[in-house]
C-alpha atoms as a PDB file:
ATOM      1  CA  MET A   1     140.745 134.871 220.290  1.00  0.00           C
ATOM      2  CA  LYS A   2     137.517 136.274 221.548  1.00  0.00           C
ATOM      3  CA  LYS A   3     136.370 139.443 223.222  1.00  0.00           C
ATOM      4  CA  LYS A   4     136.667 139.666 227.008  1.00  0.00           C
ATOM      5  CA  GLU A   5     139.119 136.772 227.065  1.00  0.00           C
ATOM      6  CA  ILE A   6     141.745 136.350 229.758  1.00  0.00           C
ATOM      7  CA  ILE A   7     144.933 134.994 228.190  1.00  0.00           C
ATOM      8  CA  ALA A   8     147.689 133.202 230.125  1.00  0.00           C
ATOM      9  CA  ALA A   9     151.112 134.761 229.561  1.00  0.00           C
ATOM     10  CA  VAL A  10     153.507 131.873 230.187  1.00  0.00           C
ATOM     11  CA  TRP A  11     157.148 132.503 231.044  1.00  0.00           C
ATOM     12  CA  PRO A  12     159.702 129.719 231.534  1.00  0.00           C
ATOM     13  CA  ASP A  13     159.189 129.916 235.316  1.00  0.00           C
ATOM     14  CA  THR A  14     155.372 129.751 235.133  1.00  0.00           C
ATOM     15  CA  TYR A  15     153.820 126.781 236.915  1.00  0.00           C
ATOM     16  CA  ILE A  16     151.752 125.004 234.283  1.00  0.00           C
ATOM     17  CA  GLN A  17     149.271 123.890 236.953  1.00  0.00           C
ATOM     18  CA  ASP A  18     148.495 127.575 237.647  1.00  0.00           C
ATOM     19  CA  ILE A  19     146.919 127.951 234.215  1.00  0.00           C
ATOM     20  CA  PRO A  20     143.174 127.372 234.455  1.00  0.00           C
ATOM     21  CA  ASP A  21     141.848 124.535 232.297  1.00  0.00           C
ATOM     22  CA  GLU A  22     139.225 126.914 230.880  1.00  0.00           C
ATOM     23  CA  CYS A  23     141.912 129.266 229.583  1.00  0.00           C
ATOM     24  CA  GLU A  24     141.826 128.852 225.795  1.00  0.00           C
ATOM     25  CA  THR A  25     144.765 131.007 224.707  1.00  0.00           C
ATOM     26  CA  ILE A  26     148.412 130.918 225.746  1.00  0.00           C
ATOM     27  CA  PHE A  27     151.036 133.570 225.053  1.00  0.00           C
ATOM     28  CA  LEU A  28     154.370 131.757 225.278  1.00  0.00           C
ATOM     29  CA  LEU A  29     156.941 134.312 226.396  1.00  0.00           C
ATOM     30  CA  GLY A  30     160.345 132.757 226.531  1.00  0.00           C
ATOM     31  CA  ALA A  31     161.879 129.666 225.027  1.00  0.00           C
ATOM     32  CA  THR A  32     164.921 128.591 223.097  1.00  0.00           C
ATOM     33  CA  ILE A  33     165.203 127.386 219.549  1.00  0.00           C
ATOM     34  CA  SER A  34     165.856 123.887 220.934  1.00  0.00           C
ATOM     35  CA  ASN A  35     162.884 123.688 223.335  1.00  0.00           C
ATOM     36  CA  ILE A  36     160.172 125.720 221.583  1.00  0.00           C
ATOM     37  CA  GLY A  37     158.468 122.638 220.142  1.00  0.00           C
ATOM     38  CA  ASP A  38     158.346 120.929 223.535  1.00  0.00           C
ATOM     39  CA  ARG A  39     157.003 124.078 225.195  1.00  0.00           C
ATOM     40  CA  VAL A  40     154.246 124.474 222.589  1.00  0.00           C
ATOM     41  CA  HIS A  41     153.240 120.825 223.007  1.00  0.00           C
ATOM     42  CA  LEU A  42     152.670 121.370 226.749  1.00  0.00           C
ATOM     43  CA  PHE A  43     149.349 122.927 225.677  1.00  0.00           C
ATOM     44  CA  PRO A  44     147.798 120.527 223.149  1.00  0.00           C
ATOM     45  CA  THR A  45     144.243 121.857 223.523  1.00  0.00           C
ATOM     46  CA  LYS A  46     145.115 125.570 223.574  1.00  0.00           C
ATOM     47  CA  LYS A  47     145.838 128.188 220.940  1.00  0.00           C
ATOM     48  CA  VAL A  48     149.508 128.928 221.548  1.00  0.00           C
ATOM     49  CA  TRP A  49     150.941 132.220 220.358  1.00  0.00           C
ATOM     50  CA  VAL A  50     154.723 132.565 220.593  1.00  0.00           C
ATOM     51  CA  ASP A  51     156.491 135.858 221.163  1.00  0.00           C
ATOM     52  CA  VAL A  52     159.157 135.464 218.494  1.00  0.00           C
ATOM     53  CA  ASP A  53     161.228 138.222 220.086  1.00  0.00           C
ATOM     54  CA  PHE A  54     161.673 136.026 223.206  1.00  0.00           C
ATOM     55  CA  VAL A  55     162.903 132.860 221.494  1.00  0.00           C
ATOM     56  CA  ASP A  56     166.639 132.653 222.160  1.00  0.00           C
ATOM     57  CA  GLY A  57     168.733 131.513 219.215  1.00  0.00           C
ATOM     58  CA  LEU A  58     166.057 132.303 216.632  1.00  0.00           C
ATOM     59  CA  GLU A  59     166.785 135.017 214.109  1.00  0.00           C
ATOM     60  CA  LYS A  60     163.766 137.276 213.654  1.00  0.00           C
ATOM     61  CA  ASN A  61     163.058 136.860 209.935  1.00  0.00           C
ATOM     62  CA  LYS A  62     160.930 134.985 207.365  1.00  0.00           C
ATOM     63  CA  ALA A  63     162.663 131.696 208.135  1.00  0.00           C
ATOM     64  CA  ALA A  64     161.697 132.095 211.802  1.00  0.00           C
ATOM     65  CA  ILE A  65     158.024 132.369 210.866  1.00  0.00           C
ATOM     66  CA  LYS A  66     158.222 129.180 208.811  1.00  0.00           C
ATOM     67  CA  PHE A  67     160.132 127.419 211.608  1.00  0.00           C
ATOM     68  CA  LEU A  68     157.522 128.368 214.209  1.00  0.00           C
ATOM     69  CA  LYS A  69     154.636 127.450 211.924  1.00  0.00           C
ATOM     70  CA  ASP A  70     156.230 124.022 211.419  1.00  0.00           C
ATOM     71  CA  LYS A  71     156.408 123.649 215.228  1.00  0.00           C
ATOM     72  CA  GLY A  72     152.620 123.908 215.412  1.00  0.00           C
ATOM     73  CA  ILE A  73     152.150 127.333 216.904  1.00  0.00           C
ATOM     74  CA  TYR A  74     148.879 129.121 216.288  1.00  0.00           C
ATOM     75  CA  GLY A  75     150.304 132.622 215.828  1.00  0.00           C
ATOM     76  CA  ILE A  76     153.109 134.991 216.733  1.00  0.00           C
ATOM     77  CA  ILE A  77     153.570 138.102 218.826  1.00  0.00           C
ATOM     78  CA  THR A  78     156.275 140.577 217.851  1.00  0.00           C
ATOM     79  CA  THR A  79     157.332 144.196 218.000  1.00  0.00           C
ATOM     80  CA  LYS A  80     158.357 144.027 214.337  1.00  0.00           C
ATOM     81  CA  LEU A  81     155.802 145.096 211.734  1.00  0.00           C
ATOM     82  CA  SER A  82     157.757 143.263 209.013  1.00  0.00           C
ATOM     83  CA  LEU A  83     157.166 139.953 210.811  1.00  0.00           C
ATOM     84  CA  VAL A  84     153.447 140.703 211.167  1.00  0.00           C
ATOM     85  CA  LYS A  85     153.308 141.258 207.406  1.00  0.00           C
ATOM     86  CA  GLU A  86     155.191 137.999 206.763  1.00  0.00           C
ATOM     87  CA  CYS A  87     152.702 136.138 208.957  1.00  0.00           C
ATOM     88  CA  GLU A  88     149.837 137.561 206.936  1.00  0.00           C
ATOM     89  CA  ARG A  89     151.581 136.460 203.746  1.00  0.00           C
ATOM     90  CA  VAL A  90     151.778 132.831 204.955  1.00  0.00           C
ATOM     91  CA  GLY A  91     148.321 132.803 206.561  1.00  0.00           C
ATOM     92  CA  MET A  92     149.399 132.874 210.208  1.00  0.00           C
ATOM     93  CA  PRO A  93     147.773 135.232 212.722  1.00  0.00           C
ATOM     94  CA  ALA A  94     150.015 137.850 214.307  1.00  0.00           C
ATOM     95  CA  ILE A  95     149.867 140.385 217.101  1.00  0.00           C
ATOM     96  CA  LEU A  96     151.952 143.552 217.069  1.00  0.00           C
ATOM     97  CA  ARG A  97     153.186 144.363 220.570  1.00  0.00           C
ATOM     98  CA  PHE A  98     153.882 147.926 221.480  1.00  0.00           C
ATOM     99  CA  PHE A  99     155.118 149.595 224.601  1.00  0.00           C
ATOM    100  CA  ALA A 100     153.312 152.823 225.478  1.00  0.00           C
ATOM    101  CA  LEU A 101     156.177 154.160 227.550  1.00  0.00           C
ATOM    102  CA  ASP A 102     155.841 157.816 226.583  1.00  0.00           C
ATOM    103  CA  SER A 103     154.175 160.034 223.973  1.00  0.00           C
ATOM    104  CA  HIS A 104     156.980 159.394 221.459  1.00  0.00           C
ATOM    105  CA  ALA A 105     156.535 155.607 221.712  1.00  0.00           C
ATOM    106  CA  VAL A 106     152.763 155.983 221.380  1.00  0.00           C
ATOM    107  CA  ARG A 107     153.111 158.153 218.250  1.00  0.00           C
ATOM    108  CA  ASN A 108     155.398 155.530 216.696  1.00  0.00           C
ATOM    109  CA  GLY A 109     152.969 152.744 217.593  1.00  0.00           C
ATOM    110  CA  LEU A 110     149.980 154.614 216.175  1.00  0.00           C
ATOM    111  CA  ARG A 111     151.655 154.739 212.738  1.00  0.00           C
ATOM    112  CA  HIS A 112     151.242 150.956 212.444  1.00  0.00           C
ATOM    113  CA  LEU A 113     147.586 150.607 213.400  1.00  0.00           C
ATOM    114  CA  LEU A 114     146.215 150.568 209.860  1.00  0.00           C
ATOM    115  CA  HIS A 115     148.544 147.685 208.992  1.00  0.00           C
ATOM    116  CA  VAL A 116     147.561 145.246 211.760  1.00  0.00           C
ATOM    117  CA  LYS A 117     144.460 143.465 213.050  1.00  0.00           C
ATOM    118  CA  LYS A 118     145.595 142.829 216.623  1.00  0.00           C
ATOM    119  CA  ILE A 119     147.852 144.714 219.012  1.00  0.00           C
ATOM    120  CA  GLU A 120     149.071 144.109 222.526  1.00  0.00           C
ATOM    121  CA  VAL A 121     149.822 147.237 224.524  1.00  0.00           C
ATOM    122  CA  LEU A 122     151.976 147.418 227.626  1.00  0.00           C
ATOM    123  CA  PRO A 123     151.554 148.541 230.324  1.00  0.00           C
ATOM    124  CA  ALA A 124     147.845 147.859 230.612  1.00  0.00           C
ATOM    125  CA  ALA A 125     147.164 150.841 232.859  1.00  0.00           C
ATOM    126  CA  VAL A 126     147.592 153.288 229.946  1.00  0.00           C
ATOM    127  CA  LEU A 127     144.907 151.699 227.787  1.00  0.00           C
ATOM    128  CA  PRO A 128     141.781 153.367 229.188  1.00  0.00           C
ATOM    129  CA  LYS A 129     143.338 156.653 228.074  1.00  0.00           C
ATOM    130  CA  LEU A 130     144.479 155.302 224.674  1.00  0.00           C
ATOM    131  CA  ILE A 131     141.463 153.218 223.589  1.00  0.00           C
ATOM    132  CA  PRO A 132     139.534 156.126 221.993  1.00  0.00           C
ATOM    133  CA  THR A 133     142.609 157.046 219.915  1.00  0.00           C
ATOM    134  CA  LEU A 134     143.394 153.442 218.929  1.00  0.00           C
ATOM    135  CA  LYS A 135     139.823 152.619 217.934  1.00  0.00           C
ATOM    136  CA  GLY A 136     139.485 156.032 216.254  1.00  0.00           C
ATOM    137  CA  ILE A 137     142.335 155.155 213.902  1.00  0.00           C
ATOM    138  CA  ASN A 138     141.241 151.549 213.349  1.00  0.00           C
ATOM    139  CA  PRO A 139     137.735 150.713 214.643  1.00  0.00           C
ATOM    140  CA  ASP A 140     138.219 146.989 213.887  1.00  0.00           C
ATOM    141  CA  LEU A 141     141.470 146.754 215.843  1.00  0.00           C
ATOM    142  CA  PHE A 142     141.538 143.975 218.460  1.00  0.00           C
ATOM    143  CA  VAL A 143     143.295 145.431 221.522  1.00  0.00           C
ATOM    144  CA  ILE A 144     144.975 143.270 224.152  1.00  0.00           C
ATOM    145  CA  ALA A 145     146.117 144.767 227.434  1.00  0.00           C
ATOM    146  CA  ALA A 146     149.188 143.338 229.155  1.00  0.00           C
ATOM    147  CA  GLY A 147     151.626 144.167 231.869  1.00  0.00           C
ATOM    148  CA  LEU A 148     151.119 144.785 235.575  1.00  0.00           C
ATOM    149  CA  ILE A 149     147.570 143.407 235.797  1.00  0.00           C
ATOM    150  CA  SER A 150     147.061 141.862 239.216  1.00  0.00           C
ATOM    151  CA  SER A 151     143.350 141.887 240.046  1.00  0.00           C
ATOM    152  CA  ALA A 152     139.951 141.033 238.627  1.00  0.00           C
ATOM    153  CA  HIS A 153     138.938 144.631 239.331  1.00  0.00           C
ATOM    154  CA  GLU A 154     141.627 145.848 236.915  1.00  0.00           C
ATOM    155  CA  VAL A 155     140.480 143.328 234.290  1.00  0.00           C
ATOM    156  CA  ARG A 156     136.882 144.544 234.570  1.00  0.00           C
ATOM    157  CA  GLU A 157     137.982 148.181 234.273  1.00  0.00           C
ATOM    158  CA  LEU A 158     140.032 147.371 231.179  1.00  0.00           C
ATOM    159  CA  PHE A 159     137.096 145.567 229.550  1.00  0.00           C
ATOM    160  CA  GLU A 160     134.771 148.471 230.413  1.00  0.00           C
ATOM    161  CA  SER A 161     137.240 150.899 228.770  1.00  0.00           C
ATOM    162  CA  GLY A 162     136.991 149.009 225.477  1.00  0.00           C
ATOM    163  CA  VAL A 163     139.936 146.610 225.717  1.00  0.00           C
ATOM    164  CA  ASP A 164     139.096 143.365 223.902  1.00  0.00           C
ATOM    165  CA  ALA A 165     141.274 140.903 225.878  1.00  0.00           C
ATOM    166  CA  VAL A 166     143.889 140.862 228.636  1.00  0.00           C
ATOM    167  CA  SER A 167     147.095 138.896 228.975  1.00  0.00           C
ATOM    168  CA  ILE A 168     148.169 138.022 232.516  1.00  0.00           C
ATOM    169  CA  GLY A 169     151.354 136.333 233.688  1.00  0.00           C
ATOM    170  CA  GLY A 170     152.257 135.593 237.293  1.00  0.00           C
ATOM    171  CA  GLU A 171     148.857 136.464 238.730  1.00  0.00           C
ATOM    172  CA  ILE A 172     146.781 134.377 236.281  1.00  0.00           C
ATOM    173  CA  LYS A 173     145.515 131.814 238.801  1.00  0.00           C
ATOM    174  CA  LYS A 174     144.460 134.458 241.345  1.00  0.00           C
ATOM    175  CA  VAL A 175     142.910 136.838 238.823  1.00  0.00           C
ATOM    176  CA  TRP A 176     141.083 134.060 236.962  1.00  0.00           C
ATOM    177  CA  LYS A 177     139.547 132.805 240.219  1.00  0.00           C
ATOM    178  CA  GLU A 178     138.509 136.333 241.310  1.00  0.00           C
ATOM    179  CA  PHE A 179     137.120 137.151 237.869  1.00  0.00           C
ATOM    180  CA  ARG A 180     134.986 134.020 237.680  1.00  0.00           C
ATOM    181  CA  LEU A 181     133.410 134.535 241.131  1.00  0.00           C
END
């Protein structure tokens, strides 16, 4: 994952043809234990991260990390710090997702920043306000913005605020085209 990267957030109803060829990273958000391997293999030239919390039928534990690693995923996304630590133990990259819904949720999320290398924060609109705090706690933290991003203008503002990457779902084709113009 690199700085100023636009990542495709792929849900089960995402049209694969909407994902730009130049997009290098995929966040797979939604699968089942029986189709996860097939979904990952839809993107043979991409780095596919799987949100373990959105894989139906998969218990969220050490065995799940091994299972996903065996399926060929690049890394995982999760809200569970214990799974991030397990990924580190087995040499798999991980992203801790946290929802900045209110000051209580933010305080809880901030407690984990010294234990992770990458975080994804939702909704993206809160990040310009939070970046100084996040980077103040962990200057090497790689911050990904996600949720409710629908224009290239928003992407540029997020990058200018210090966000390292953005993850975009339904609007990926439109935003990618606008951003590259």
